[in-house]
C-alpha atoms as a PDB file:
ATOM      1  CA  UNK A   1      25.326  27.561 -12.978  1.00  0.00           C
ATOM      2  CA  UNK A   2      25.325  24.320 -10.359  1.00  0.00           C
ATOM      3  CA  UNK A   3      22.932  21.499  -9.584  1.00  0.00           C
ATOM      4  CA  UNK A   4      23.142  20.678  -5.533  1.00  0.00           C
ATOM      5  CA  UNK A   5      21.217  18.061  -3.545  1.00  0.00           C
ATOM      6  CA  UNK A   6      18.223  20.025  -1.328  1.00  0.00           C
ATOM      7  CA  UNK A   7      18.824  20.392   2.237  1.00  0.00           C
ATOM      8  CA  UNK A   8      16.910  21.370   4.825  1.00  0.00           C
ATOM      9  CA  UNK A   9      19.125  25.134   4.792  1.00  0.00           C
ATOM     10  CA  UNK A  10      17.290  25.980   1.475  1.00  0.00           C
ATOM     11  CA  UNK A  11      13.739  24.996   2.430  1.00  0.00           C
ATOM     12  CA  UNK A  12      12.278  28.729   3.359  1.00  0.00           C
ATOM     13  CA  UNK A  13      14.039  29.176  -0.368  1.00  0.00           C
ATOM     14  CA  UNK A  14      12.130  26.461  -1.673  1.00  0.00           C
ATOM     15  CA  UNK A  15       8.939  27.900  -0.163  1.00  0.00           C
ATOM     16  CA  UNK A  16       9.403  31.066  -1.316  1.00  0.00           C
ATOM     17  CA  UNK A  17       9.563  29.918  -4.900  1.00  0.00           C
ATOM     18  CA  UNK A  18       7.116  26.847  -4.115  1.00  0.00           C
ATOM     19  CA  UNK A  19       4.247  29.035  -2.678  1.00  0.00           C
ATOM     20  CA  UNK A  20       4.058  32.040  -5.049  1.00  0.00           C
ATOM     21  CA  UNK A  21       0.957  32.446  -6.684  1.00  0.00           C
ATOM     22  CA  UNK A  22       2.987  32.751  -9.919  1.00  0.00           C
ATOM     23  CA  UNK A  23       4.185  29.057  -9.016  1.00  0.00           C
ATOM     24  CA  UNK A  24       1.490  27.585  -7.894  1.00  0.00           C
ATOM     25  CA  UNK A  25      -0.658  28.264 -10.752  1.00  0.00           C
ATOM     26  CA  UNK A  26       1.253  25.610 -12.884  1.00  0.00           C
ATOM     27  CA  UNK A  27       1.435  23.144  -9.935  1.00  0.00           C
ATOM     28  CA  UNK A  28      -1.036  20.028  -9.870  1.00  0.00           C
ATOM     29  CA  UNK A  29      -1.348  20.658  -6.360  1.00  0.00           C
ATOM     30  CA  UNK A  30      -1.617  24.344  -6.227  1.00  0.00           C
ATOM     31  CA  UNK A  31      -1.435  24.239  -2.490  1.00  0.00           C
ATOM     32  CA  UNK A  32       0.201  26.844  -0.670  1.00  0.00           C
ATOM     33  CA  UNK A  33       2.357  24.803   2.350  1.00  0.00           C
ATOM     34  CA  UNK A  34       3.865  25.765   6.297  1.00  0.00           C
ATOM     35  CA  UNK A  35       7.388  25.649   7.105  1.00  0.00           C
ATOM     36  CA  UNK A  36       6.953  23.086   9.665  1.00  0.00           C
ATOM     37  CA  UNK A  37       4.783  20.775   6.398  1.00  0.00           C
ATOM     38  CA  UNK A  38       7.424  21.689   4.388  1.00  0.00           C
ATOM     39  CA  UNK A  39      10.226  19.641   6.762  1.00  0.00           C
ATOM     40  CA  UNK A  40       7.946  16.862   7.485  1.00  0.00           C
ATOM     41  CA  UNK A  41       7.848  16.880   3.382  1.00  0.00           C
ATOM     42  CA  UNK A  42      11.791  16.784   3.427  1.00  0.00           C
ATOM     43  CA  UNK A  43      12.327  13.699   6.033  1.00  0.00           C
ATOM     44  CA  UNK A  44      10.427  11.299   3.350  1.00  0.00           C
ATOM     45  CA  UNK A  45      12.024  12.702   0.228  1.00  0.00           C
ATOM     46  CA  UNK A  46      12.412   9.414  -1.768  1.00  0.00           C
ATOM     47  CA  UNK A  47      13.845  11.193  -4.777  1.00  0.00           C
ATOM     48  CA  UNK A  48      16.759  14.120  -4.618  1.00  0.00           C
ATOM     49  CA  UNK A  49      15.294  17.592  -5.238  1.00  0.00           C
ATOM     50  CA  UNK A  50      18.651  19.908  -6.590  1.00  0.00           C
ATOM     51  CA  UNK A  51      17.761  23.554  -5.578  1.00  0.00           C
ATOM     52  CA  UNK A  52      20.203  25.785  -9.021  1.00  0.00           C
ATOM     53  CA  UNK A  53      22.657  28.029  -7.845  1.00  0.00           C
ATOM     54  CA  UNK A  54      23.628  31.176  -9.924  1.00  0.00           C
ATOM     55  CA  UNK A  55      27.074  32.314  -8.444  1.00  0.00           C
ATOM     56  CA  UNK A  56      26.400  31.104  -5.043  1.00  0.00           C
ATOM     57  CA  UNK A  57      22.689  32.153  -4.968  1.00  0.00           C
ATOM     58  CA  UNK A  58      19.507  29.989  -5.692  1.00  0.00           C
ATOM     59  CA  UNK A  59      17.256  30.855  -8.390  1.00  0.00           C
ATOM     60  CA  UNK A  60      15.094  27.370  -8.419  1.00  0.00           C
ATOM     61  CA  UNK A  61      14.992  24.212  -7.878  1.00  0.00           C
ATOM     62  CA  UNK A  62      14.597  20.850  -9.874  1.00  0.00           C
ATOM     63  CA  UNK A  63      12.124  18.121  -8.695  1.00  0.00           C
ATOM     64  CA  UNK A  64      12.110  14.364  -8.952  1.00  0.00           C
ATOM     65  CA  UNK A  65      10.250  10.899  -8.475  1.00  0.00           C
ATOM     66  CA  UNK A  66      12.089   8.788 -10.620  1.00  0.00           C
ATOM     67  CA  UNK A  67      12.218   9.575 -14.050  1.00  0.00           C
ATOM     68  CA  UNK A  68       9.949  12.797 -13.390  1.00  0.00           C
ATOM     69  CA  UNK A  69      10.860  15.947 -13.153  1.00  0.00           C
ATOM     70  CA  UNK A  70      10.083  19.037 -12.756  1.00  0.00           C
ATOM     71  CA  UNK A  71      12.075  22.905 -12.710  1.00  0.00           C
ATOM     72  CA  UNK A  72      10.700  25.854 -10.397  1.00  0.00           C
ATOM     73  CA  UNK A  73      12.240  29.305 -10.898  1.00  0.00           C
ATOM     74  CA  UNK A  74      11.729  32.164  -8.545  1.00  0.00           C
ATOM     75  CA  UNK A  75       9.788  34.739 -10.383  1.00  0.00           C
ATOM     76  CA  UNK A  76      13.157  37.587  -9.864  1.00  0.00           C
ATOM     77  CA  UNK A  77      15.303  34.731 -12.001  1.00  0.00           C
ATOM     78  CA  UNK A  78      12.792  33.478 -14.893  1.00  0.00           C
ATOM     79  CA  UNK A  79      13.363  34.058 -18.407  1.00  0.00           C
ATOM     80  CA  UNK A  80      16.893  34.471 -18.169  1.00  0.00           C
ATOM     81  CA  UNK A  81      17.582  30.418 -19.240  1.00  0.00           C
ATOM     82  CA  UNK A  82      18.280  28.631 -15.778  1.00  0.00           C
ATOM     83  CA  UNK A  83      15.108  26.115 -15.979  1.00  0.00           C
ATOM     84  CA  UNK A  84      16.891  25.080 -19.708  1.00  0.00           C
ATOM     85  CA  UNK A  85      20.489  24.716 -18.598  1.00  0.00           C
ATOM     86  CA  UNK A  86      18.691  23.115 -15.131  1.00  0.00           C
ATOM     87  CA  UNK A  87      16.960  20.472 -17.532  1.00  0.00           C
ATOM     88  CA  UNK A  88      19.955  19.104 -19.266  1.00  0.00           C
ATOM     89  CA  UNK A  89      22.121  18.883 -16.680  1.00  0.00           C
ATOM     90  CA  UNK A  90      19.705  17.143 -14.793  1.00  0.00           C
ATOM     91  CA  UNK A  91      19.266  15.178 -17.637  1.00  0.00           C
ATOM     92  CA  UNK A  92      22.722  14.522 -18.718  1.00  0.00           C
ATOM     93  CA  UNK A  93      22.359  10.774 -17.353  1.00  0.00           C
ATOM     94  CA  UNK A  94      18.377   9.713 -17.730  1.00  0.00           C
ATOM     95  CA  UNK A  95      17.823   7.936 -20.943  1.00  0.00           C
ATOM     96  CA  UNK A  96      14.396   8.426 -20.241  1.00  0.00           C
ATOM     97  CA  UNK A  97      12.339  11.475 -18.533  1.00  0.00           C
ATOM     98  CA  UNK A  98       8.740  12.622 -17.906  1.00  0.00           C
ATOM     99  CA  UNK A  99       7.174  15.109 -16.981  1.00  0.00           C
ATOM    100  CA  UNK A 100       3.290  16.942 -16.660  1.00  0.00           C
ATOM    101  CA  UNK A 101       2.654  20.153 -18.157  1.00  0.00           C
ATOM    102  CA  UNK A 102      -0.171  22.121 -18.053  1.00  0.00           C
ATOM    103  CA  UNK A 103      -1.408  22.751 -21.726  1.00  0.00           C
ATOM    104  CA  UNK A 104      -1.637  26.688 -21.178  1.00  0.00           C
ATOM    105  CA  UNK A 105       2.063  26.760 -20.032  1.00  0.00           C
ATOM    106  CA  UNK A 106       4.283  29.082 -21.574  1.00  0.00           C
ATOM    107  CA  UNK A 107       6.967  26.653 -19.814  1.00  0.00           C
ATOM    108  CA  UNK A 108       5.679  23.967 -22.701  1.00  0.00           C
ATOM    109  CA  UNK A 109       7.779  25.567 -25.710  1.00  0.00           C
ATOM    110  CA  UNK A 110      10.988  24.940 -23.441  1.00  0.00           C
ATOM    111  CA  UNK A 111       9.921  21.142 -22.992  1.00  0.00           C
ATOM    112  CA  UNK A 112       9.184  20.724 -27.357  1.00  0.00           C
ATOM    113  CA  UNK A 113      12.618  22.565 -27.606  1.00  0.00           C
ATOM    114  CA  UNK A 114      14.633  20.231 -25.172  1.00  0.00           C
ATOM    115  CA  UNK A 115      12.804  16.962 -27.212  1.00  0.00           C
ATOM    116  CA  UNK A 116       9.841  15.921 -25.107  1.00  0.00           C
ATOM    117  CA  UNK A 117       6.771  15.228 -26.644  1.00  0.00           C
ATOM    118  CA  UNK A 118       3.654  14.529 -25.728  1.00  0.00           C
ATOM    119  CA  UNK A 119       2.405  10.657 -24.877  1.00  0.00           C
ATOM    120  CA  UNK A 120      -1.117  11.415 -25.531  1.00  0.00           C
ATOM    121  CA  UNK A 121      -2.112  10.993 -21.514  1.00  0.00           C
ATOM    122  CA  UNK A 122      -3.594  14.367 -19.843  1.00  0.00           C
ATOM    123  CA  UNK A 123      -5.629  15.085 -17.310  1.00  0.00           C
ATOM    124  CA  UNK A 124      -7.878  17.977 -16.187  1.00  0.00           C
ATOM    125  CA  UNK A 125      -6.943  19.810 -13.576  1.00  0.00           C
ATOM    126  CA  UNK A 126      -8.774  23.257 -12.491  1.00  0.00           C
ATOM    127  CA  UNK A 127     -10.677  23.125 -16.410  1.00  0.00           C
ATOM    128  CA  UNK A 128      -7.479  23.100 -17.643  1.00  0.00           C
ATOM    129  CA  UNK A 129      -5.733  20.114 -19.927  1.00  0.00           C
ATOM    130  CA  UNK A 130      -2.226  18.554 -17.460  1.00  0.00           C
ATOM    131  CA  UNK A 131      -0.262  17.188 -20.032  1.00  0.00           C
ATOM    132  CA  UNK A 132       2.278  14.049 -19.530  1.00  0.00           C
ATOM    133  CA  UNK A 133       5.645  14.558 -21.637  1.00  0.00           C
ATOM    134  CA  UNK A 134       8.353  12.406 -22.148  1.00  0.00           C
ATOM    135  CA  UNK A 135      12.307  12.877 -23.531  1.00  0.00           C
ATOM    136  CA  UNK A 136      13.720   9.763 -24.457  1.00  0.00           C
ATOM    137  CA  UNK A 137      17.971   9.755 -25.672  1.00  0.00           C
END
């Protein structure tokens, strides 16, 4: 597995993952985006995002915004450990990482196993608790 910086060539793949209902239900912003909106967003991107490749095929992506990170895996490639490996790779060079997760998201267990702890900060979004977690080396 390798991480490569997101390029415009991968935006349609990114939207296929991001706009899927099974992904959107666990995102703070659950809107569906068009390719035009995605291209506009990509042009203004400040922190790099990364495509997760397995045998040169995209399986998901890592989101970054400073120290805040997130990962979305394509529905056809979930539960194979790709997010775990991708988080470990992206966090190799980070002394602090934060993320937000819905309390009922099965991925929360992954974050705990990676060493994230809850900060006590949370929001209520769509009647669900959305908690902030932090990892410190």
